[in-house]
Amino acid sequence: MASFKVICITKPNVNSSHEHITHIGYYDSNLKKVIITVKDAIKRIDANSLEFYVQTGSDKAYVKVVRVQGHEAFIKTIPDNTKRDNLLSLPQC
């Protein structure tokens, strides 16, 4: 399974703490910047074809899919040294 470092995110309103991330960006194996929708990222994670992570120093926080009944699936990082979702610390794409 290929693993890619997420380098940026897109939220409709940068300052909103209530809006979900709509897109993520990463560099593919050819070092080309790729921006995909969260729905596409979820499909790839679910299919075990790709995994994504956020890196801070030497620490990696992997991205997981969260499903809450009655809501659309979304992504967030598996908690590491911080309680805040590491994706939210990334710049806008």
N, C-alpha and C. Protein backbone atom coordinates (compact mmCIF):
# COMPACT_ATOMS: atom_id res chain seq x y z
N MET A 1 0.85 -1.18 0.00
CA MET A 1 0.00 0.00 0.00
C MET A 1 0.89 1.23 0.00
N ALA A 2 0.59 2.16 -0.88
CA ALA A 2 1.35 3.40 -0.96
C ALA A 2 0.95 4.33 0.18
N SER A 3 1.91 5.08 0.68
CA SER A 3 1.69 6.00 1.79
C SER A 3 2.14 7.39 1.39
N PHE A 4 1.28 8.39 1.62
CA PHE A 4 1.59 9.76 1.20
C PHE A 4 1.40 10.75 2.35
N LYS A 5 2.29 11.70 2.40
CA LYS A 5 2.25 12.76 3.40
C LYS A 5 1.31 13.87 2.94
N VAL A 6 0.29 14.17 3.73
CA VAL A 6 -0.64 15.25 3.41
C VAL A 6 0.07 16.57 3.72
N ILE A 7 0.06 17.50 2.75
CA ILE A 7 0.79 18.76 2.90
C ILE A 7 -0.13 19.97 3.03
N CYS A 8 -1.41 19.80 2.65
CA CYS A 8 -2.34 20.93 2.72
C CYS A 8 -3.78 20.42 2.76
N ILE A 9 -4.67 21.28 3.19
CA ILE A 9 -6.09 20.95 3.24
C ILE A 9 -6.89 22.12 2.67
N THR A 10 -8.15 21.86 2.36
CA THR A 10 -9.06 22.92 1.95
C THR A 10 -10.32 22.81 2.79
N LYS A 11 -10.70 23.93 3.38
CA LYS A 11 -11.98 24.06 4.08
C LYS A 11 -12.69 25.24 3.44
N PRO A 12 -14.02 25.18 3.32
CA PRO A 12 -14.76 26.30 2.72
C PRO A 12 -14.50 27.63 3.43
N ASN A 13 -14.43 27.60 4.75
CA ASN A 13 -14.13 28.80 5.54
C ASN A 13 -12.94 28.47 6.42
N VAL A 14 -11.81 29.08 6.13
CA VAL A 14 -10.56 28.78 6.82
C VAL A 14 -10.68 28.91 8.33
N ASN A 15 -11.42 29.88 8.81
CA ASN A 15 -11.49 30.16 10.25
C ASN A 15 -12.59 29.40 10.98
N SER A 16 -13.39 28.64 10.27
CA SER A 16 -14.50 27.92 10.90
C SER A 16 -14.00 26.64 11.56
N SER A 17 -14.40 26.43 12.80
CA SER A 17 -14.05 25.19 13.49
C SER A 17 -15.13 24.13 13.29
N HIS A 18 -16.21 24.49 12.59
CA HIS A 18 -17.33 23.57 12.41
C HIS A 18 -17.40 22.96 11.02
N GLU A 19 -16.70 23.53 10.07
CA GLU A 19 -16.76 23.01 8.70
C GLU A 19 -15.71 21.92 8.52
N HIS A 20 -16.10 20.90 7.79
CA HIS A 20 -15.19 19.80 7.54
C HIS A 20 -14.24 20.13 6.39
N ILE A 21 -13.15 19.42 6.35
CA ILE A 21 -12.18 19.52 5.28
C ILE A 21 -12.82 18.94 4.02
N THR A 22 -12.65 19.61 2.89
CA THR A 22 -13.24 19.14 1.63
C THR A 22 -12.21 18.51 0.70
N HIS A 23 -10.94 18.93 0.81
CA HIS A 23 -9.87 18.42 -0.06
C HIS A 23 -8.58 18.28 0.74
N ILE A 24 -7.72 17.37 0.28
CA ILE A 24 -6.37 17.26 0.84
C ILE A 24 -5.38 17.28 -0.31
N GLY A 25 -4.18 17.71 -0.02
CA GLY A 25 -3.12 17.75 -1.02
C GLY A 25 -1.90 16.97 -0.57
N TYR A 26 -1.22 16.37 -1.52
CA TYR A 26 0.00 15.61 -1.24
C TYR A 26 0.84 15.56 -2.51
N TYR A 27 2.09 15.12 -2.38
CA TYR A 27 2.94 14.91 -3.55
C TYR A 27 2.93 13.42 -3.88
N ASP A 28 2.68 13.10 -5.16
CA ASP A 28 2.68 11.69 -5.55
C ASP A 28 4.12 11.20 -5.71
N SER A 29 4.27 9.97 -6.17
CA SER A 29 5.61 9.38 -6.27
C SER A 29 6.48 10.07 -7.31
N ASN A 30 5.87 10.87 -8.20
CA ASN A 30 6.64 11.64 -9.19
C ASN A 30 6.86 13.08 -8.72
N LEU A 31 6.57 13.35 -7.45
CA LEU A 31 6.70 14.67 -6.82
C LEU A 31 5.78 15.71 -7.47
N LYS A 32 4.68 15.24 -8.01
CA LYS A 32 3.66 16.12 -8.57
C LYS A 32 2.62 16.37 -7.48
N LYS A 33 2.26 17.64 -7.29
CA LYS A 33 1.26 17.96 -6.27
C LYS A 33 -0.11 17.50 -6.75
N VAL A 34 -0.78 16.76 -5.88
CA VAL A 34 -2.09 16.20 -6.18
C VAL A 34 -3.07 16.70 -5.13
N ILE A 35 -4.22 17.19 -5.57
CA ILE A 35 -5.28 17.60 -4.65
C ILE A 35 -6.50 16.76 -4.98
N ILE A 36 -7.01 16.06 -3.96
CA ILE A 36 -8.18 15.21 -4.15
C ILE A 36 -9.26 15.57 -3.13
N THR A 37 -10.47 15.19 -3.44
CA THR A 37 -11.56 15.44 -2.49
C THR A 37 -11.43 14.46 -1.33
N VAL A 38 -12.04 14.83 -0.23
CA VAL A 38 -12.06 13.93 0.93
C VAL A 38 -12.80 12.64 0.56
N LYS A 39 -13.85 12.75 -0.25
CA LYS A 39 -14.57 11.54 -0.67
C LYS A 39 -13.64 10.58 -1.41
N ASP A 40 -12.78 11.11 -2.28
CA ASP A 40 -11.82 10.26 -2.98
C ASP A 40 -10.80 9.66 -2.01
N ALA A 41 -10.35 10.46 -1.05
CA ALA A 41 -9.40 9.96 -0.05
C ALA A 41 -10.04 8.82 0.75
N ILE A 42 -11.30 8.98 1.13
CA ILE A 42 -12.00 7.94 1.88
C ILE A 42 -12.10 6.66 1.06
N LYS A 43 -12.42 6.78 -0.22
CA LYS A 43 -12.51 5.60 -1.09
C LYS A 43 -11.16 4.87 -1.15
N ARG A 44 -10.08 5.63 -1.25
CA ARG A 44 -8.75 5.03 -1.37
C ARG A 44 -8.32 4.39 -0.05
N ILE A 45 -8.64 5.04 1.06
CA ILE A 45 -8.32 4.46 2.37
C ILE A 45 -9.12 3.18 2.58
N ASP A 46 -10.42 3.24 2.30
CA ASP A 46 -11.29 2.07 2.47
C ASP A 46 -10.86 0.90 1.59
N ALA A 47 -10.35 1.18 0.41
CA ALA A 47 -9.92 0.13 -0.51
C ALA A 47 -8.53 -0.40 -0.17
N ASN A 48 -7.91 0.18 0.86
CA ASN A 48 -6.54 -0.19 1.25
C ASN A 48 -5.54 0.00 0.12
N SER A 49 -5.82 0.97 -0.77
CA SER A 49 -4.89 1.22 -1.87
C SER A 49 -3.91 2.34 -1.51
N LEU A 50 -4.32 3.24 -0.64
CA LEU A 50 -3.46 4.34 -0.19
C LEU A 50 -3.67 4.58 1.29
N GLU A 51 -2.64 5.10 1.93
CA GLU A 51 -2.79 5.63 3.28
C GLU A 51 -2.17 7.01 3.29
N PHE A 52 -2.67 7.85 4.16
CA PHE A 52 -2.20 9.23 4.26
C PHE A 52 -1.78 9.51 5.69
N TYR A 53 -0.85 10.44 5.84
CA TYR A 53 -0.39 10.82 7.17
C TYR A 53 0.01 12.28 7.18
N VAL A 54 0.09 12.84 8.38
CA VAL A 54 0.60 14.19 8.60
C VAL A 54 1.88 14.01 9.41
N GLN A 55 2.94 14.70 9.02
CA GLN A 55 4.21 14.55 9.72
C GLN A 55 4.63 15.83 10.39
N THR A 56 5.00 15.70 11.66
CA THR A 56 5.55 16.82 12.43
C THR A 56 6.87 16.33 13.00
N GLY A 57 7.95 16.88 12.51
CA GLY A 57 9.26 16.38 12.92
C GLY A 57 9.40 14.94 12.45
N SER A 58 9.72 14.04 13.39
CA SER A 58 9.83 12.62 13.02
C SER A 58 8.55 11.86 13.33
N ASP A 59 7.55 12.53 13.91
CA ASP A 59 6.28 11.88 14.26
C ASP A 59 5.30 11.90 13.10
N LYS A 60 4.64 10.76 12.90
CA LYS A 60 3.61 10.65 11.87
C LYS A 60 2.27 10.38 12.54
N ALA A 61 1.24 11.10 12.11
CA ALA A 61 -0.13 10.85 12.56
C ALA A 61 -0.91 10.40 11.34
N TYR A 62 -1.36 9.16 11.35
CA TYR A 62 -2.05 8.61 10.19
C TYR A 62 -3.51 9.07 10.13
N VAL A 63 -4.01 9.17 8.91
CA VAL A 63 -5.37 9.63 8.66
C VAL A 63 -6.31 8.43 8.69
N LYS A 64 -7.43 8.59 9.37
CA LYS A 64 -8.43 7.53 9.41
C LYS A 64 -9.78 8.08 8.99
N VAL A 65 -10.66 7.17 8.61
CA VAL A 65 -12.02 7.52 8.23
C VAL A 65 -12.91 7.39 9.46
N VAL A 66 -13.74 8.39 9.68
CA VAL A 66 -14.67 8.39 10.81
C VAL A 66 -16.08 8.36 10.25
N ARG A 67 -16.87 7.46 10.79
CA ARG A 67 -18.27 7.36 10.38
C ARG A 67 -19.15 7.51 11.62
N VAL A 68 -20.05 8.47 11.56
CA VAL A 68 -21.01 8.70 12.62
C VAL A 68 -22.39 8.55 12.00
N GLN A 69 -23.21 7.73 12.62
CA GLN A 69 -24.54 7.47 12.06
C GLN A 69 -25.30 8.78 11.82
N GLY A 70 -25.87 8.90 10.62
CA GLY A 70 -26.65 10.07 10.26
C GLY A 70 -25.81 11.22 9.71
N HIS A 71 -24.51 11.02 9.58
CA HIS A 71 -23.62 12.07 9.06
C HIS A 71 -22.74 11.49 7.96
N GLU A 72 -22.23 12.37 7.11
CA GLU A 72 -21.32 11.96 6.06
C GLU A 72 -19.97 11.58 6.67
N ALA A 73 -19.33 10.55 6.11
CA ALA A 73 -18.01 10.14 6.59
C ALA A 73 -17.02 11.29 6.41
N PHE A 74 -16.04 11.36 7.32
CA PHE A 74 -15.01 12.39 7.23
C PHE A 74 -13.68 11.78 7.66
N ILE A 75 -12.62 12.57 7.52
CA ILE A 75 -11.28 12.08 7.90
C ILE A 75 -10.72 12.91 9.03
N LYS A 76 -9.86 12.27 9.80
CA LYS A 76 -9.09 12.96 10.83
C LYS A 76 -7.88 12.09 11.14
N THR A 77 -6.94 12.63 11.87
CA THR A 77 -5.75 11.86 12.19
C THR A 77 -5.98 11.05 13.46
N ILE A 78 -5.28 9.93 13.53
CA ILE A 78 -5.29 9.13 14.75
C ILE A 78 -4.51 9.94 15.78
N PRO A 79 -5.07 10.14 16.98
CA PRO A 79 -4.40 11.00 17.97
C PRO A 79 -2.96 10.60 18.24
N ASP A 80 -2.11 11.62 18.34
CA ASP A 80 -0.72 11.39 18.71
C ASP A 80 -0.43 12.20 19.98
N ASN A 81 0.57 13.05 19.96
CA ASN A 81 0.94 13.82 21.14
C ASN A 81 0.00 15.00 21.41
N THR A 82 -0.86 15.32 20.46
CA THR A 82 -1.78 16.43 20.62
C THR A 82 -3.21 15.93 20.45
N LYS A 83 -4.14 16.58 21.13
CA LYS A 83 -5.55 16.19 21.01
C LYS A 83 -6.17 16.80 19.76
N ARG A 84 -5.55 17.84 19.22
CA ARG A 84 -6.07 18.51 18.03
C ARG A 84 -5.79 17.67 16.80
N ASP A 85 -6.72 17.64 15.87
CA ASP A 85 -6.53 16.92 14.62
C ASP A 85 -5.36 17.54 13.86
N ASN A 86 -4.34 16.75 13.58
CA ASN A 86 -3.14 17.25 12.90
C ASN A 86 -3.43 17.83 11.52
N LEU A 87 -4.48 17.35 10.88
CA LEU A 87 -4.83 17.91 9.56
C LEU A 87 -5.13 19.40 9.66
N LEU A 88 -5.73 19.82 10.77
CA LEU A 88 -6.12 21.22 10.92
C LEU A 88 -4.93 22.15 11.11
N SER A 89 -3.75 21.61 11.35
CA SER A 89 -2.55 22.44 11.48
C SER A 89 -1.89 22.73 10.13
N LEU A 90 -2.40 22.10 9.07
CA LEU A 90 -1.80 22.27 7.75
C LEU A 90 -2.32 23.54 7.06
N PRO A 91 -1.52 24.09 6.14
CA PRO A 91 -1.98 25.27 5.39
C PRO A 91 -3.05 24.91 4.39
N GLN A 92 -3.74 25.94 3.91
CA GLN A 92 -4.74 25.76 2.85
C GLN A 92 -4.04 25.42 1.53
N CYS A 93 -4.68 24.56 0.75
CA CYS A 93 -4.13 24.20 -0.58
C CYS A 93 -4.32 25.36 -1.55
